[in-house]
Amino acid sequence: MAAWYIVIFENCIEAQFIASMNFANELYSAFMNNPAHIDGARYFYKHTDEQSIYYLSPEAAVISPDLLNKYGAALLLSEPDVADLEVHIL
């Protein structure tokens, strides 16, 4: 089973709130600049007053390991329940 990743931004910290707004754009840019065509790449998004949460599918997670590292993505041990989250296809 391929790995899912999660990136969580704390909205009460100004720098993290700003980073959360840039994350999706950087992910799209990395996807567009990736020489390999990756089918099925998507991420799921949830925003609360406290946090902005991104779940990256295994296909999206391989787009840019540097980007995941930059934003402190955490490996998930099992596939998350993303049924009620906003989906974005890359």
PDB file of N, CA and C in Angstrom:
ATOM      1  N   MET A   1       0.838  -1.182   0.000  1.00  0.00           N
ATOM      2  CA  MET A   1       0.000   0.000   0.000  1.00  0.00           C
ATOM      3  C   MET A   1       0.886   1.249   0.000  1.00  0.00           C
ATOM      4  N   ALA A   2       0.587   2.174  -0.887  1.00  0.00           N
ATOM      5  CA  ALA A   2       1.349   3.416  -0.964  1.00  0.00           C
ATOM      6  C   ALA A   2       0.980   4.342   0.192  1.00  0.00           C
ATOM      7  N   ALA A   3       1.865   5.266   0.475  1.00  0.00           N
ATOM      8  CA  ALA A   3       1.716   6.112   1.659  1.00  0.00           C
ATOM      9  C   ALA A   3       0.926   7.388   1.397  1.00  0.00           C
ATOM     10  N   TRP A   4       0.078   7.714   2.329  1.00  0.00           N
ATOM     11  CA  TRP A   4      -0.618   8.988   2.386  1.00  0.00           C
ATOM     12  C   TRP A   4       0.168   9.891   3.323  1.00  0.00           C
ATOM     13  N   TYR A   5       0.047  11.207   3.109  1.00  0.00           N
ATOM     14  CA  TYR A   5       0.700  12.184   3.969  1.00  0.00           C
ATOM     15  C   TYR A   5      -0.301  13.239   4.411  1.00  0.00           C
ATOM     16  N   ILE A   6       0.010  13.872   5.528  1.00  0.00           N
ATOM     17  CA  ILE A   6      -0.820  14.944   6.044  1.00  0.00           C
ATOM     18  C   ILE A   6       0.071  16.147   6.349  1.00  0.00           C
ATOM     19  N   VAL A   7      -0.459  17.324   6.036  1.00  0.00           N
ATOM     20  CA  VAL A   7       0.212  18.583   6.372  1.00  0.00           C
ATOM     21  C   VAL A   7      -0.812  19.410   7.142  1.00  0.00           C
ATOM     22  N   ILE A   8      -0.423  19.848   8.339  1.00  0.00           N
ATOM     23  CA  ILE A   8      -1.325  20.621   9.189  1.00  0.00           C
ATOM     24  C   ILE A   8      -0.708  21.984   9.472  1.00  0.00           C
ATOM     25  N   PHE A   9      -1.501  23.008   9.264  1.00  0.00           N
ATOM     26  CA  PHE A   9      -1.098  24.380   9.561  1.00  0.00           C
ATOM     27  C   PHE A   9      -1.966  24.897  10.701  1.00  0.00           C
ATOM     28  N   GLU A  10      -1.348  25.527  11.677  1.00  0.00           N
ATOM     29  CA  GLU A  10      -2.068  26.141  12.790  1.00  0.00           C
ATOM     30  C   GLU A  10      -2.438  27.569  12.388  1.00  0.00           C
ATOM     31  N   ASN A  11      -3.727  27.840  12.262  1.00  0.00           N
ATOM     32  CA  ASN A  11      -4.176  29.136  11.775  1.00  0.00           C
ATOM     33  C   ASN A  11      -3.940  30.282  12.759  1.00  0.00           C
ATOM     34  N   CYS A  12      -3.743  29.967  14.034  1.00  0.00           N
ATOM     35  CA  CYS A  12      -3.516  31.018  15.028  1.00  0.00           C
ATOM     36  C   CYS A  12      -2.085  31.566  14.963  1.00  0.00           C
ATOM     37  N   ILE A  13      -1.220  30.905  14.218  1.00  0.00           N
ATOM     38  CA  ILE A  13       0.161  31.360  14.035  1.00  0.00           C
ATOM     39  C   ILE A  13       0.237  31.998  12.650  1.00  0.00           C
ATOM     40  N   GLU A  14       0.476  33.300  12.605  1.00  0.00           N
ATOM     41  CA  GLU A  14       0.390  34.043  11.349  1.00  0.00           C
ATOM     42  C   GLU A  14       1.241  33.440  10.231  1.00  0.00           C
ATOM     43  N   ALA A  15       2.469  33.069  10.524  1.00  0.00           N
ATOM     44  CA  ALA A  15       3.347  32.504   9.502  1.00  0.00           C
ATOM     45  C   ALA A  15       2.786  31.193   8.949  1.00  0.00           C
ATOM     46  N   GLN A  16       2.206  30.374   9.803  1.00  0.00           N
ATOM     47  CA  GLN A  16       1.630  29.110   9.332  1.00  0.00           C
ATOM     48  C   GLN A  16       0.355  29.353   8.524  1.00  0.00           C
ATOM     49  N   PHE A  17      -0.429  30.350   8.919  1.00  0.00           N
ATOM     50  CA  PHE A  17      -1.638  30.671   8.168  1.00  0.00           C
ATOM     51  C   PHE A  17      -1.275  31.118   6.749  1.00  0.00           C
ATOM     52  N   ILE A  18      -0.262  31.956   6.634  1.00  0.00           N
ATOM     53  CA  ILE A  18       0.202  32.405   5.317  1.00  0.00           C
ATOM     54  C   ILE A  18       0.754  31.230   4.516  1.00  0.00           C
ATOM     55  N   ALA A  19       1.527  30.361   5.163  1.00  0.00           N
ATOM     56  CA  ALA A  19       2.070  29.177   4.488  1.00  0.00           C
ATOM     57  C   ALA A  19       0.956  28.278   3.976  1.00  0.00           C
ATOM     58  N   SER A  20      -0.122  28.153   4.736  1.00  0.00           N
ATOM     59  CA  SER A  20      -1.235  27.296   4.308  1.00  0.00           C
ATOM     60  C   SER A  20      -1.861  27.808   3.019  1.00  0.00           C
ATOM     61  N   MET A  21      -1.860  29.124   2.840  1.00  0.00           N
ATOM     62  CA  MET A  21      -2.419  29.698   1.613  1.00  0.00           C
ATOM     63  C   MET A  21      -1.496  29.455   0.418  1.00  0.00           C
ATOM     64  N   ASN A  22      -0.200  29.295   0.652  1.00  0.00           N
ATOM     65  CA  ASN A  22       0.760  29.063  -0.428  1.00  0.00           C
ATOM     66  C   ASN A  22       0.934  27.586  -0.770  1.00  0.00           C
ATOM     67  N   PHE A  23       0.611  26.706   0.160  1.00  0.00           N
ATOM     68  CA  PHE A  23       0.890  25.284  -0.020  1.00  0.00           C
ATOM     69  C   PHE A  23       0.254  24.714  -1.287  1.00  0.00           C
ATOM     70  N   ALA A  24      -1.032  24.960  -1.480  1.00  0.00           N
ATOM     71  CA  ALA A  24      -1.720  24.388  -2.646  1.00  0.00           C
ATOM     72  C   ALA A  24      -1.112  24.898  -3.950  1.00  0.00           C
ATOM     73  N   ASN A  25      -0.788  26.184  -4.012  1.00  0.00           N
ATOM     74  CA  ASN A  25      -0.177  26.736  -5.230  1.00  0.00           C
ATOM     75  C   ASN A  25       1.171  26.089  -5.506  1.00  0.00           C
ATOM     76  N   GLU A  26       1.958  25.882  -4.468  1.00  0.00           N
ATOM     77  CA  GLU A  26       3.260  25.239  -4.654  1.00  0.00           C
ATOM     78  C   GLU A  26       3.102  23.785  -5.080  1.00  0.00           C
ATOM     79  N   LEU A  27       2.086  23.113  -4.561  1.00  0.00           N
ATOM     80  CA  LEU A  27       1.831  21.730  -4.954  1.00  0.00           C
ATOM     81  C   LEU A  27       1.426  21.655  -6.423  1.00  0.00           C
ATOM     82  N   TYR A  28       0.532  22.543  -6.855  1.00  0.00           N
ATOM     83  CA  TYR A  28       0.146  22.596  -8.274  1.00  0.00           C
ATOM     84  C   TYR A  28       1.354  22.890  -9.157  1.00  0.00           C
ATOM     85  N   SER A  29       2.170  23.829  -8.744  1.00  0.00           N
ATOM     86  CA  SER A  29       3.360  24.182  -9.520  1.00  0.00           C
ATOM     87  C   SER A  29       4.314  22.998  -9.636  1.00  0.00           C
ATOM     88  N   ALA A  30       4.526  22.289  -8.531  1.00  0.00           N
ATOM     89  CA  ALA A  30       5.396  21.106  -8.554  1.00  0.00           C
ATOM     90  C   ALA A  30       4.834  20.044  -9.489  1.00  0.00           C
ATOM     91  N   PHE A  31       3.518  19.873  -9.481  1.00  0.00           N
ATOM     92  CA  PHE A  31       2.875  18.902 -10.364  1.00  0.00           C
ATOM     93  C   PHE A  31       3.082  19.286 -11.827  1.00  0.00           C
ATOM     94  N   MET A  32       2.869  20.563 -12.136  1.00  0.00           N
ATOM     95  CA  MET A  32       2.998  21.022 -13.522  1.00  0.00           C
ATOM     96  C   MET A  32       4.441  20.937 -14.021  1.00  0.00           C
ATOM     97  N   ASN A  33       5.400  21.087 -13.123  1.00  0.00           N
ATOM     98  CA  ASN A  33       6.814  21.056 -13.503  1.00  0.00           C
ATOM     99  C   ASN A  33       7.450  19.676 -13.378  1.00  0.00           C
ATOM    100  N   ASN A  34       6.672  18.692 -12.953  1.00  0.00           N
ATOM    101  CA  ASN A  34       7.190  17.339 -12.813  1.00  0.00           C
ATOM    102  C   ASN A  34       7.287  16.703 -14.200  1.00  0.00           C
ATOM    103  N   PRO A  35       8.444  16.168 -14.572  1.00  0.00           N
ATOM    104  CA  PRO A  35       8.580  15.590 -15.914  1.00  0.00           C
ATOM    105  C   PRO A  35       7.755  14.318 -16.119  1.00  0.00           C
ATOM    106  N   ALA A  36       7.417  13.644 -15.042  1.00  0.00           N
ATOM    107  CA  ALA A  36       6.610  12.425 -15.158  1.00  0.00           C
ATOM    108  C   ALA A  36       5.132  12.786 -15.030  1.00  0.00           C
ATOM    109  N   HIS A  37       4.309  12.202 -15.887  1.00  0.00           N
ATOM    110  CA  HIS A  37       2.866  12.411 -15.764  1.00  0.00           C
ATOM    111  C   HIS A  37       2.345  11.453 -14.693  1.00  0.00           C
ATOM    112  N   ILE A  38       1.716  11.999 -13.684  1.00  0.00           N
ATOM    113  CA  ILE A  38       1.251  11.190 -12.557  1.00  0.00           C
ATOM    114  C   ILE A  38      -0.276  11.198 -12.540  1.00  0.00           C
ATOM    115  N   ASP A  39      -0.878  10.057 -12.854  1.00  0.00           N
ATOM    116  CA  ASP A  39      -2.339   9.925 -12.842  1.00  0.00           C
ATOM    117  C   ASP A  39      -2.846   9.780 -11.418  1.00  0.00           C
ATOM    118  N   GLY A  40      -3.992  10.354 -11.159  1.00  0.00           N
ATOM    119  CA  GLY A  40      -4.654  10.159  -9.878  1.00  0.00           C
ATOM    120  C   GLY A  40      -4.136  11.019  -8.736  1.00  0.00           C
ATOM    121  N   ALA A  41      -3.270  11.988  -9.044  1.00  0.00           N
ATOM    122  CA  ALA A  41      -2.729  12.851  -7.990  1.00  0.00           C
ATOM    123  C   ALA A  41      -3.831  13.794  -7.506  1.00  0.00           C
ATOM    124  N   ARG A  42      -4.052  13.799  -6.225  1.00  0.00           N
ATOM    125  CA  ARG A  42      -5.082  14.651  -5.650  1.00  0.00           C
ATOM    126  C   ARG A  42      -4.759  14.932  -4.194  1.00  0.00           C
ATOM    127  N   TYR A  43      -5.355  15.978  -3.682  1.00  0.00           N
ATOM    128  CA  TYR A  43      -5.250  16.240  -2.253  1.00  0.00           C
ATOM    129  C   TYR A  43      -6.629  16.593  -1.722  1.00  0.00           C
ATOM    130  N   PHE A  44      -6.788  16.403  -0.449  1.00  0.00           N
ATOM    131  CA  PHE A  44      -8.049  16.665   0.224  1.00  0.00           C
ATOM    132  C   PHE A  44      -7.798  17.746   1.263  1.00  0.00           C
ATOM    133  N   TYR A  45      -8.768  18.636   1.411  1.00  0.00           N
ATOM    134  CA  TYR A  45      -8.557  19.819   2.223  1.00  0.00           C
ATOM    135  C   TYR A  45      -9.693  19.998   3.229  1.00  0.00           C
ATOM    136  N   LYS A  46      -9.302  20.431   4.425  1.00  0.00           N
ATOM    137  CA  LYS A  46     -10.278  20.755   5.469  1.00  0.00           C
ATOM    138  C   LYS A  46      -9.767  21.997   6.189  1.00  0.00           C
ATOM    139  N   HIS A  47     -10.644  22.961   6.359  1.00  0.00           N
ATOM    140  CA  HIS A  47     -10.288  24.195   7.055  1.00  0.00           C
ATOM    141  C   HIS A  47     -11.222  24.370   8.252  1.00  0.00           C
ATOM    142  N   THR A  48     -10.640  24.605   9.408  1.00  0.00           N
ATOM    143  CA  THR A  48     -11.404  24.948  10.602  1.00  0.00           C
ATOM    144  C   THR A  48     -10.869  26.287  11.110  1.00  0.00           C
ATOM    145  N   ASP A  49     -11.465  26.818  12.145  1.00  0.00           N
ATOM    146  CA  ASP A  49     -10.951  28.062  12.720  1.00  0.00           C
ATOM    147  C   ASP A  49      -9.531  27.885  13.234  1.00  0.00           C
ATOM    148  N   GLU A  50      -9.218  26.681  13.704  1.00  0.00           N
ATOM    149  CA  GLU A  50      -7.914  26.422  14.303  1.00  0.00           C
ATOM    150  C   GLU A  50      -6.851  25.926  13.329  1.00  0.00           C
ATOM    151  N   GLN A  51      -7.266  25.137  12.318  1.00  0.00           N
ATOM    152  CA  GLN A  51      -6.282  24.479  11.461  1.00  0.00           C
ATOM    153  C   GLN A  51      -6.708  24.452   9.989  1.00  0.00           C
ATOM    154  N   SER A  52      -5.702  24.383   9.132  1.00  0.00           N
ATOM    155  CA  SER A  52      -5.884  24.056   7.717  1.00  0.00           C
ATOM    156  C   SER A  52      -5.168  22.727   7.513  1.00  0.00           C
ATOM    157  N   ILE A  53      -5.903  21.720   7.041  1.00  0.00           N
ATOM    158  CA  ILE A  53      -5.382  20.355   6.969  1.00  0.00           C
ATOM    159  C   ILE A  53      -5.435  19.865   5.525  1.00  0.00           C
ATOM    160  N   TYR A  54      -4.310  19.336   5.068  1.00  0.00           N
ATOM    161  CA  TYR A  54      -4.190  18.786   3.718  1.00  0.00           C
ATOM    162  C   TYR A  54      -3.804  17.316   3.821  1.00  0.00           C
ATOM    163  N   TYR A  55      -4.567  16.455   3.166  1.00  0.00           N
ATOM    164  CA  TYR A  55      -4.217  15.041   3.032  1.00  0.00           C
ATOM    165  C   TYR A  55      -3.770  14.833   1.588  1.00  0.00           C
ATOM    166  N   LEU A  56      -2.590  14.305   1.410  1.00  0.00           N
ATOM    167  CA  LEU A  56      -2.074  14.063   0.067  1.00  0.00           C
ATOM    168  C   LEU A  56      -2.164  12.583  -0.266  1.00  0.00           C
ATOM    169  N   SER A  57      -2.771  12.299  -1.409  1.00  0.00           N
ATOM    170  CA  SER A  57      -2.857  10.915  -1.875  1.00  0.00           C
ATOM    171  C   SER A  57      -1.445  10.412  -2.169  1.00  0.00           C
ATOM    172  N   PRO A  58      -1.267   9.110  -2.230  1.00  0.00           N
ATOM    173  CA  PRO A  58       0.060   8.568  -2.552  1.00  0.00           C
ATOM    174  C   PRO A  58       0.613   9.112  -3.870  1.00  0.00           C
ATOM    175  N   GLU A  59      -0.273   9.329  -4.842  1.00  0.00           N
ATOM    176  CA  GLU A  59       0.164   9.863  -6.138  1.00  0.00           C
ATOM    177  C   GLU A  59       0.641  11.311  -5.995  1.00  0.00           C
ATOM    178  N   ALA A  60      -0.042  12.088  -5.185  1.00  0.00           N
ATOM    179  CA  ALA A  60       0.356  13.483  -4.963  1.00  0.00           C
ATOM    180  C   ALA A  60       1.614  13.568  -4.112  1.00  0.00           C
ATOM    181  N   ALA A  61       1.782  12.632  -3.215  1.00  0.00           N
ATOM    182  CA  ALA A  61       2.924  12.664  -2.298  1.00  0.00           C
ATOM    183  C   ALA A  61       4.259  12.471  -3.015  1.00  0.00           C
ATOM    184  N   VAL A  62       4.242  11.825  -4.177  1.00  0.00           N
ATOM    185  CA  VAL A  62       5.505  11.581  -4.888  1.00  0.00           C
ATOM    186  C   VAL A  62       5.894  12.731  -5.817  1.00  0.00           C
ATOM    187  N   ILE A  63       5.040  13.719  -5.947  1.00  0.00           N
ATOM    188  CA  ILE A  63       5.308  14.832  -6.861  1.00  0.00           C
ATOM    189  C   ILE A  63       6.550  15.607  -6.441  1.00  0.00           C
ATOM    190  N   SER A  64       6.656  15.920  -5.146  1.00  0.00           N
ATOM    191  CA  SER A  64       7.771  16.740  -4.680  1.00  0.00           C
ATOM    192  C   SER A  64       8.118  16.428  -3.230  1.00  0.00           C
ATOM    193  N   PRO A  65       9.020  15.481  -3.020  1.00  0.00           N
ATOM    194  CA  PRO A  65       9.451  15.197  -1.646  1.00  0.00           C
ATOM    195  C   PRO A  65      10.017  16.438  -0.949  1.00  0.00           C
ATOM    196  N   ASP A  66      10.653  17.325  -1.712  1.00  0.00           N
ATOM    197  CA  ASP A  66      11.191  18.556  -1.121  1.00  0.00           C
ATOM    198  C   ASP A  66      10.074  19.438  -0.562  1.00  0.00           C
ATOM    199  N   LEU A  67       8.967  19.503  -1.275  1.00  0.00           N
ATOM    200  CA  LEU A  67       7.834  20.297  -0.818  1.00  0.00           C
ATOM    201  C   LEU A  67       7.246  19.703   0.461  1.00  0.00           C
ATOM    202  N   LEU A  68       7.128  18.384   0.506  1.00  0.00           N
ATOM    203  CA  LEU A  68       6.615  17.731   1.715  1.00  0.00           C
ATOM    204  C   LEU A  68       7.530  18.001   2.899  1.00  0.00           C
ATOM    205  N   ASN A  69       8.819  17.944   2.650  1.00  0.00           N
ATOM    206  CA  ASN A  69       9.792  18.212   3.701  1.00  0.00           C
ATOM    207  C   ASN A  69       9.708  19.670   4.160  1.00  0.00           C
ATOM    208  N   LYS A  70       9.598  20.583   3.211  1.00  0.00           N
ATOM    209  CA  LYS A  70       9.526  22.014   3.520  1.00  0.00           C
ATOM    210  C   LYS A  70       8.372  22.328   4.462  1.00  0.00           C
ATOM    211  N   TYR A  71       7.232  21.677   4.253  1.00  0.00           N
ATOM    212  CA  TYR A  71       6.037  21.964   5.038  1.00  0.00           C
ATOM    213  C   TYR A  71       5.800  20.964   6.175  1.00  0.00           C
ATOM    214  N   GLY A  72       6.744  20.095   6.417  1.00  0.00           N
ATOM    215  CA  GLY A  72       6.647  19.183   7.551  1.00  0.00           C
ATOM    216  C   GLY A  72       5.559  18.133   7.436  1.00  0.00           C
ATOM    217  N   ALA A  73       5.385  17.595   6.243  1.00  0.00           N
ATOM    218  CA  ALA A  73       4.377  16.558   6.038  1.00  0.00           C
ATOM    219  C   ALA A  73       4.693  15.332   6.876  1.00  0.00           C
ATOM    220  N   ALA A  74       3.645  14.727   7.407  1.00  0.00           N
ATOM    221  CA  ALA A  74       3.795  13.524   8.226  1.00  0.00           C
ATOM    222  C   ALA A  74       3.205  12.325   7.489  1.00  0.00           C
ATOM    223  N   LEU A  75       3.922  11.234   7.526  1.00  0.00           N
ATOM    224  CA  LEU A  75       3.472   9.977   6.939  1.00  0.00           C
ATOM    225  C   LEU A  75       2.318   9.425   7.761  1.00  0.00           C
ATOM    226  N   LEU A  76       1.277   8.975   7.079  1.00  0.00           N
ATOM    227  CA  LEU A  76       0.147   8.336   7.761  1.00  0.00           C
ATOM    228  C   LEU A  76       0.307   6.826   7.675  1.00  0.00           C
ATOM    229  N   LEU A  77      -0.015   6.147   8.734  1.00  0.00           N
ATOM    230  CA  LEU A  77       0.132   4.693   8.770  1.00  0.00           C
ATOM    231  C   LEU A  77      -1.028   3.959   8.112  1.00  0.00           C
ATOM    232  N   SER A  78      -2.131   4.671   7.897  1.00  0.00           N
ATOM    233  CA  SER A  78      -3.269   4.061   7.213  1.00  0.00           C
ATOM    234  C   SER A  78      -3.958   5.123   6.364  1.00  0.00           C
ATOM    235  N   GLU A  79      -4.773   4.682   5.443  1.00  0.00           N
ATOM    236  CA  GLU A  79      -5.484   5.614   4.575  1.00  0.00           C
ATOM    237  C   GLU A  79      -6.498   6.400   5.405  1.00  0.00           C
ATOM    238  N   PRO A  80      -6.495   7.728   5.292  1.00  0.00           N
ATOM    239  CA  PRO A  80      -7.418   8.535   6.096  1.00  0.00           C
ATOM    240  C   PRO A  80      -8.836   8.504   5.540  1.00  0.00           C
ATOM    241  N   ASP A  81      -9.803   8.828   6.371  1.00  0.00           N
ATOM    242  CA  ASP A  81     -11.195   8.973   5.939  1.00  0.00           C
ATOM    243  C   ASP A  81     -11.353  10.381   5.379  1.00  0.00           C
ATOM    244  N   VAL A  82     -11.436  10.500   4.092  1.00  0.00           N
ATOM    245  CA  VAL A  82     -11.518  11.807   3.436  1.00  0.00           C
ATOM    246  C   VAL A  82     -12.883  12.032   2.792  1.00  0.00           C
ATOM    247  N   ALA A  83     -13.853  11.229   3.176  1.00  0.00           N
ATOM    248  CA  ALA A  83     -15.161  11.261   2.537  1.00  0.00           C
ATOM    249  C   ALA A  83     -15.832  12.636   2.597  1.00  0.00           C
ATOM    250  N   ASP A  84     -15.670  13.362   3.672  1.00  0.00           N
ATOM    251  CA  ASP A  84     -16.354  14.645   3.835  1.00  0.00           C
ATOM    252  C   ASP A  84     -15.476  15.854   3.543  1.00  0.00           C
ATOM    253  N   LEU A  85     -14.305  15.618   2.961  1.00  0.00           N
ATOM    254  CA  LEU A  85     -13.377  16.708   2.713  1.00  0.00           C
ATOM    255  C   LEU A  85     -13.452  17.207   1.271  1.00  0.00           C
ATOM    256  N   GLU A  86     -13.002  18.419   1.064  1.00  0.00           N
ATOM    257  CA  GLU A  86     -12.937  19.014  -0.260  1.00  0.00           C
ATOM    258  C   GLU A  86     -11.805  18.371  -1.047  1.00  0.00           C
ATOM    259  N   VAL A  87     -12.108  17.864  -2.251  1.00  0.00           N
ATOM    260  CA  VAL A  87     -11.097  17.184  -3.060  1.00  0.00           C
ATOM    261  C   VAL A  87     -10.598  18.094  -4.180  1.00  0.00           C
ATOM    262  N   HIS A  88      -9.283  18.040  -4.421  1.00  0.00           N
ATOM    263  CA  HIS A  88      -8.666  18.812  -5.500  1.00  0.00           C
ATOM    264  C   HIS A  88      -7.808  17.850  -6.333  1.00  0.00           C
ATOM    265  N   ILE A  89      -8.138  17.750  -7.599  1.00  0.00           N
ATOM    266  CA  ILE A  89      -7.395  16.881  -8.504  1.00  0.00           C
ATOM    267  C   ILE A  89      -6.296  17.704  -9.167  1.00  0.00           C
ATOM    268  N   LEU A  90      -5.091  17.170  -9.131  1.00  0.00           N
ATOM    269  CA  LEU A  90      -3.960  17.878  -9.733  1.00  0.00           C
ATOM    270  C   LEU A  90      -3.860  17.541 -11.204  1.00  0.00           C
TER     271      LEU A  90
END
